[in-house]
Amino acid sequence: MRVIFIIVVLFLSSCSVNQFNDYALKTGLEKIQLGVIFIDSNKQKITADSLPESTYITFPVIPGGITGQVLTDSMYTVKVLTDSKFSLDLAAISKNILPYAVPMFSTSYNQDVVIIPKETKLLRIGTFAHSTKTYEQIGATGIASVGQNVITQMMLVYFDRPARVSGLNNEEGLKIEYDVMITQPGFVFLQVIEINETHFRITASDSQEPKVITIEYAQATNIST
């Protein structure tokens, strides 16, 4: 009986290790540096004296899609000083995040979007900014790359395998075109290219430009932090 017991324990331990490895990042982004800036409705950086001195940045998860509804509480929260930088350690928090990766949901956000292979599991990490005093949401928040006089919207997305995402979907009067080729599993940045005011194209990005959390200040003028 003792031998059988030892075998069972070893089997369960092996399962536990394998499960942990499933939630560990082996390729893709593992740690990224992010700044925090405030922008106006034209995506121009604001440097007013009235800006909040610090902000809570939270990172919930959008399972099964590139766009869609946030369906989890924050997986990670950090207090950040305005115009400062912090490190988002994806490898450290992957065990809590990766279980939410699932095949693409059939929703209005994905109605005309095709992913191959269809078994591909994915998720997107969302971002929100909150007052450090009231914890109220400050304004529209996202991730962006900052080039010379250009701020490009980015998305931080996880794929569990190489995949292709394509299609053209209509979301609240906007045309969202997908032309995404993923060559390895892990977290990647996708960029949102503005074709015109109502047409956007999402593609994979290898941009080396600095990445920031952008907070639209138009909704933050009455927030005191």
Protein backbone atom coordinates (compact mmCIF):
# COMPACT_ATOMS: atom_id res chain seq x y z
CA MET A 1 0.00 0.00 0.00
CA ARG A 2 2.88 2.35 0.78
CA VAL A 3 4.27 1.88 -2.73
CA ILE A 4 0.88 2.68 -4.26
CA PHE A 5 0.59 5.77 -2.06
CA ILE A 6 4.01 7.03 -3.17
CA ILE A 7 3.08 6.49 -6.83
CA VAL A 8 -0.17 8.45 -6.37
CA VAL A 9 1.68 11.32 -4.66
CA LEU A 10 4.26 11.46 -7.44
CA PHE A 11 1.48 11.45 -10.07
CA LEU A 12 -0.35 14.32 -8.37
CA SER A 13 2.89 16.27 -7.99
CA SER A 14 3.61 15.79 -11.68
CA CYS A 15 0.14 17.08 -12.59
CA SER A 16 0.69 20.13 -10.39
CA VAL A 17 4.02 20.91 -12.04
CA ASN A 18 2.57 20.49 -15.52
CA GLN A 19 -0.33 22.77 -14.65
CA PHE A 20 2.06 25.44 -13.37
CA ASN A 21 4.12 25.20 -16.55
CA ASP A 22 0.96 25.75 -18.59
CA TYR A 23 0.61 29.11 -16.84
CA ALA A 24 4.26 30.12 -17.28
CA LEU A 25 5.45 32.35 -20.10
CA LYS A 26 7.99 30.64 -22.32
CA THR A 27 8.06 33.14 -25.21
CA GLY A 28 6.74 36.60 -25.94
CA LEU A 29 6.87 39.68 -23.70
CA GLU A 30 7.78 38.97 -20.08
CA LYS A 31 8.43 42.40 -18.57
CA ILE A 32 7.60 45.82 -20.00
CA GLN A 33 8.38 49.38 -18.91
CA LEU A 34 5.40 51.71 -18.92
CA GLY A 35 5.08 55.41 -18.30
CA VAL A 36 1.90 57.35 -17.44
CA ILE A 37 0.80 60.42 -19.38
CA PHE A 38 -2.40 62.44 -19.70
CA ILE A 39 -3.76 63.26 -23.16
CA ASP A 40 -6.57 65.31 -24.67
CA SER A 41 -9.24 64.10 -27.10
CA ASN A 42 -6.80 64.66 -29.98
CA LYS A 43 -4.23 62.29 -28.42
CA GLN A 44 -1.90 65.15 -27.55
CA LYS A 45 0.02 65.07 -24.29
CA ILE A 46 -1.14 67.46 -21.56
CA THR A 47 1.31 69.04 -19.12
CA ALA A 48 -0.97 71.16 -16.94
CA ASP A 49 -0.30 72.02 -13.28
CA SER A 50 -3.75 70.67 -12.41
CA LEU A 51 -2.92 67.08 -13.38
CA PRO A 52 -3.19 64.44 -10.65
CA GLU A 53 0.15 63.82 -8.97
CA SER A 54 -0.45 60.06 -8.83
CA THR A 55 -2.90 57.48 -10.12
CA TYR A 56 -3.91 53.89 -9.46
CA ILE A 57 -3.53 51.84 -12.64
CA THR A 58 -5.45 48.56 -12.68
CA PHE A 59 -5.16 45.67 -15.11
CA PRO A 60 -8.28 43.50 -15.58
CA VAL A 61 -8.69 40.87 -18.29
CA ILE A 62 -10.78 40.55 -21.47
CA PRO A 63 -10.97 36.78 -22.09
CA GLY A 64 -11.51 35.28 -25.54
CA GLY A 65 -11.04 38.37 -27.67
CA ILE A 66 -8.97 41.33 -28.74
CA THR A 67 -11.80 43.77 -28.11
CA GLY A 68 -14.76 43.20 -25.81
CA GLN A 69 -15.97 43.56 -22.25
CA VAL A 70 -13.70 43.34 -19.22
CA LEU A 71 -14.86 40.25 -17.33
CA THR A 72 -12.53 40.10 -14.32
CA ASP A 73 -11.41 42.18 -11.39
CA SER A 74 -7.97 43.73 -11.59
CA MET A 75 -5.20 41.15 -11.89
CA TYR A 76 -2.65 43.75 -10.80
CA THR A 77 -2.83 47.27 -9.35
CA VAL A 78 -0.03 49.81 -9.05
CA LYS A 79 0.16 53.38 -7.77
CA VAL A 80 2.13 55.49 -10.21
CA LEU A 81 3.34 59.08 -10.14
CA THR A 82 2.42 61.15 -13.21
CA ASP A 83 5.20 61.16 -15.83
CA SER A 84 7.02 58.36 -14.02
CA LYS A 85 7.73 54.80 -15.17
CA PHE A 86 7.01 51.39 -13.70
CA SER A 87 7.63 47.78 -14.68
CA LEU A 88 4.76 45.42 -15.51
CA ASP A 89 6.10 41.92 -14.81
CA LEU A 90 3.96 39.67 -16.99
CA ALA A 91 5.97 36.58 -16.07
CA ALA A 92 5.30 37.14 -12.37
CA ILE A 93 1.54 37.55 -12.75
CA SER A 94 1.03 35.04 -15.57
CA LYS A 95 -0.15 32.28 -13.23
CA ASN A 96 -3.13 34.45 -12.25
CA ILE A 97 -3.84 35.73 -15.77
CA LEU A 98 -3.32 32.85 -18.20
CA PRO A 99 -6.16 30.65 -16.87
CA TYR A 100 -8.50 33.27 -18.40
CA ALA A 101 -7.20 32.57 -21.92
CA VAL A 102 -9.99 30.82 -23.83
CA PRO A 103 -10.95 30.32 -27.49
CA MET A 104 -12.46 33.40 -29.11
CA PHE A 105 -15.97 34.15 -27.84
CA SER A 106 -18.85 34.54 -30.27
CA THR A 107 -19.94 38.11 -29.47
CA SER A 108 -20.84 41.27 -31.36
CA TYR A 109 -17.19 42.31 -31.01
CA ASN A 110 -16.04 39.18 -32.87
CA GLN A 111 -19.01 38.67 -35.19
CA ASP A 112 -17.06 38.84 -38.46
CA VAL A 113 -13.62 38.03 -37.07
CA VAL A 114 -11.90 34.72 -37.86
CA ILE A 115 -9.04 33.19 -35.88
CA ILE A 116 -7.00 30.26 -37.21
CA PRO A 117 -6.55 27.80 -35.59
CA LYS A 118 -9.98 28.23 -34.02
CA GLU A 119 -8.74 26.41 -30.89
CA THR A 120 -6.36 29.29 -30.16
CA LYS A 121 -6.77 30.63 -26.63
CA LEU A 122 -6.34 34.35 -26.14
CA LEU A 123 -6.99 37.26 -23.83
CA ARG A 124 -6.31 40.96 -23.68
CA ILE A 125 -5.13 42.89 -20.64
CA GLY A 126 -7.24 45.99 -20.09
CA THR A 127 -6.25 49.19 -18.30
CA PHE A 128 -8.13 51.57 -16.03
CA ALA A 129 -7.03 54.65 -14.09
CA HIS A 130 -8.48 55.57 -10.69
CA SER A 131 -8.14 58.46 -8.28
CA THR A 132 -5.78 57.68 -5.41
CA LYS A 133 -8.16 59.51 -3.04
CA THR A 134 -11.67 58.54 -4.15
CA TYR A 135 -10.83 55.48 -6.31
CA GLU A 136 -13.24 56.85 -8.93
CA GLN A 137 -12.37 56.10 -12.54
CA ILE A 138 -10.57 59.10 -14.01
CA GLY A 139 -10.92 58.85 -17.79
CA ALA A 140 -10.60 56.70 -20.88
CA THR A 141 -7.39 54.71 -20.49
CA GLY A 142 -5.20 52.64 -22.80
CA ILE A 143 -1.68 51.60 -23.73
CA ALA A 144 0.19 53.48 -26.43
CA SER A 145 3.60 53.81 -28.03
CA VAL A 146 5.11 57.28 -28.10
CA GLY A 147 7.03 58.33 -31.18
CA GLN A 148 8.12 61.73 -32.39
CA ASN A 149 4.91 63.78 -32.19
CA VAL A 150 2.85 60.59 -32.63
CA ILE A 151 0.96 58.53 -30.04
CA THR A 152 -0.22 55.15 -31.39
CA GLN A 153 -2.82 53.10 -29.55
CA MET A 154 -1.61 49.63 -28.57
CA MET A 155 -3.19 46.47 -27.16
CA LEU A 156 -1.48 43.93 -24.92
CA VAL A 157 -2.78 40.50 -25.98
CA TYR A 158 -1.86 36.90 -25.10
CA PHE A 159 -2.03 34.01 -27.61
CA ASP A 160 -1.29 30.44 -26.55
CA ARG A 161 0.04 29.48 -30.03
CA PRO A 162 0.90 30.96 -33.43
CA ALA A 163 -2.30 32.25 -35.00
CA ARG A 164 -3.87 34.40 -37.69
CA VAL A 165 -6.72 36.83 -36.96
CA SER A 166 -8.57 38.47 -39.85
CA GLY A 167 -11.90 40.08 -40.65
CA LEU A 168 -13.78 43.38 -40.70
CA ASN A 169 -16.23 44.07 -37.91
CA ASN A 170 -18.54 46.99 -37.17
CA GLU A 171 -18.51 48.18 -33.58
CA GLU A 172 -20.79 51.09 -32.67
CA GLY A 173 -20.41 52.74 -36.07
CA LEU A 174 -16.68 52.04 -36.35
CA LYS A 175 -15.05 49.66 -38.82
CA ILE A 176 -12.45 47.51 -37.07
CA GLU A 177 -10.24 45.62 -39.52
CA TYR A 178 -8.10 42.74 -38.24
CA ASP A 179 -4.88 41.76 -40.00
CA VAL A 180 -2.91 40.03 -37.24
CA MET A 181 -0.22 37.39 -37.72
CA ILE A 182 1.22 35.85 -34.54
CA THR A 183 4.35 33.73 -34.98
CA GLN A 184 4.84 32.43 -31.43
CA PRO A 185 2.83 32.03 -28.22
CA GLY A 186 2.98 34.61 -25.45
CA PHE A 187 2.11 38.25 -24.87
CA VAL A 188 2.45 40.60 -27.85
CA PHE A 189 1.63 44.20 -28.63
CA LEU A 190 -0.95 44.91 -31.32
CA GLN A 191 -1.19 48.39 -32.82
CA VAL A 192 -4.30 50.26 -33.88
CA ILE A 193 -3.77 52.11 -37.16
CA GLU A 194 -6.25 54.89 -37.92
CA ILE A 195 -7.29 54.74 -41.58
CA ASN A 196 -9.83 57.51 -41.05
CA GLU A 197 -12.17 58.67 -38.29
CA THR A 198 -14.38 55.58 -38.58
CA HIS A 199 -11.99 52.92 -39.90
CA PHE A 200 -9.20 51.31 -37.86
CA ARG A 201 -6.84 48.44 -38.63
CA ILE A 202 -5.34 46.17 -35.95
CA THR A 203 -2.01 44.52 -36.72
CA ALA A 204 0.87 42.94 -34.80
CA SER A 205 3.56 45.41 -33.74
CA ASP A 206 7.30 45.10 -33.17
CA SER A 207 7.67 48.78 -32.28
CA GLN A 208 10.60 49.55 -29.99
CA GLU A 209 9.22 52.98 -29.08
CA PRO A 210 8.51 53.71 -25.40
CA LYS A 211 5.16 52.43 -24.12
CA VAL A 212 2.89 54.40 -21.81
CA ILE A 213 -0.48 54.29 -20.10
CA THR A 214 -2.55 57.10 -21.59
CA ILE A 215 -5.33 58.73 -19.58
CA GLU A 216 -7.74 61.06 -21.36
CA TYR A 217 -7.94 64.15 -19.18
CA ALA A 218 -11.20 65.47 -20.63
CA GLN A 219 -13.04 63.26 -18.12
CA ALA A 220 -10.64 64.00 -15.28
CA THR A 221 -10.98 67.76 -14.76
CA ASN A 222 -13.11 67.36 -11.64
CA ILE A 223 -10.99 64.64 -10.06
CA SER A 224 -8.70 65.66 -7.23
CA THR A 225 -5.80 63.37 -6.39
